């Protein structure tokens, strides 16, 4: 049986926003590979990774919105 270990971290608002933005960008990159790659293995790996990262994104964003509000998901560079 595998032992699942956990890591707990504390983030302030700007740190949480950068983590969420990075996850969002990685999800887009993986989605592009999944839909455009001619290599079936690469496309499948990207699709699997996308599903894992999207689950992480959902978990982090849910918690971040509860603490910081919906604006935490605004990744624009204009002043909030």
Protein backbone atom coordinates (compact mmCIF):
# COMPACT_ATOMS: atom_id res chain seq x y z
CA UNK A 1 0.00 0.00 0.00
CA UNK A 2 1.34 3.41 -0.96
CA UNK A 3 1.73 6.03 1.71
CA UNK A 4 0.28 9.35 0.63
CA UNK A 5 2.15 12.25 2.12
CA UNK A 6 0.86 15.80 2.26
CA UNK A 7 2.41 19.22 2.26
CA UNK A 8 0.62 22.17 3.80
CA UNK A 9 1.66 25.67 2.81
CA UNK A 10 0.47 29.15 3.63
CA UNK A 11 0.24 31.75 0.87
CA UNK A 12 -0.63 35.41 0.95
CA UNK A 13 -2.87 36.84 -1.78
CA UNK A 14 -0.19 37.65 -4.36
CA UNK A 15 1.54 34.30 -3.85
CA UNK A 16 -1.75 32.43 -4.28
CA UNK A 17 -2.50 34.44 -7.45
CA UNK A 18 0.88 33.53 -8.97
CA UNK A 19 0.44 29.85 -8.12
CA UNK A 20 -3.05 29.83 -9.65
CA UNK A 21 -1.90 31.72 -12.73
CA UNK A 22 1.00 29.31 -13.23
CA UNK A 23 -1.31 26.31 -12.92
CA UNK A 24 -3.71 27.92 -15.39
CA UNK A 25 -0.93 28.50 -17.93
CA UNK A 26 0.34 24.94 -17.54
CA UNK A 27 -3.19 23.61 -18.08
CA UNK A 28 -3.41 25.58 -21.34
CA UNK A 29 -0.01 24.30 -22.46
CA UNK A 30 -0.99 20.70 -21.76
CA UNK A 31 -4.35 21.12 -23.48
CA UNK A 32 -2.58 22.43 -26.58
CA UNK A 33 -0.19 19.46 -26.62
CA UNK A 34 -3.09 17.07 -26.10
CA UNK A 35 -5.10 18.47 -29.00
CA UNK A 36 -2.28 19.25 -31.45
CA UNK A 37 0.40 16.60 -30.97
CA UNK A 38 0.76 14.00 -33.68
CA UNK A 39 2.44 11.66 -31.20
CA UNK A 40 -0.32 9.61 -29.53
CA UNK A 41 1.78 8.88 -26.43
CA UNK A 42 2.67 12.53 -25.95
CA UNK A 43 -0.96 13.56 -26.43
CA UNK A 44 -2.15 10.95 -23.92
CA UNK A 45 0.48 11.94 -21.36
CA UNK A 46 -0.46 15.60 -21.72
CA UNK A 47 -4.14 14.75 -21.31
CA UNK A 48 -3.45 12.76 -18.15
CA UNK A 49 -1.25 15.53 -16.74
CA UNK A 50 -3.94 18.08 -17.61
CA UNK A 51 -6.50 16.15 -15.58
CA UNK A 52 -4.19 15.97 -12.56
CA UNK A 53 -3.26 19.65 -12.69
CA UNK A 54 -6.85 20.76 -13.26
CA UNK A 55 -7.83 18.88 -10.09
CA UNK A 56 -5.07 20.70 -8.20
CA UNK A 57 -6.17 24.02 -9.70
CA UNK A 58 -9.78 23.44 -8.65
CA UNK A 59 -8.73 22.59 -5.10
CA UNK A 60 -6.40 25.57 -4.70
CA UNK A 61 -8.76 28.03 -6.41
CA UNK A 62 -11.72 26.94 -4.27
CA UNK A 63 -9.76 27.54 -1.09
CA UNK A 64 -8.25 30.78 -2.36
CA UNK A 65 -11.65 32.20 -3.35
CA UNK A 66 -13.02 31.39 0.10
CA UNK A 67 -10.20 33.35 1.73
CA UNK A 68 -9.37 36.14 -0.75
CA UNK A 69 -12.53 36.46 -2.84
CA UNK A 70 -13.23 36.00 -6.56
CA UNK A 71 -10.65 38.64 -7.57
CA UNK A 72 -7.91 36.12 -6.77
CA UNK A 73 -8.73 34.48 -10.11
CA UNK A 74 -8.12 37.72 -12.03
CA UNK A 75 -4.71 37.24 -13.63
CA UNK A 76 -4.74 40.49 -15.58
CA UNK A 77 -2.04 43.03 -14.96
CA UNK A 78 -4.38 46.01 -14.75
CA UNK A 79 -4.89 47.47 -11.31
CA UNK A 80 -7.56 45.62 -9.33
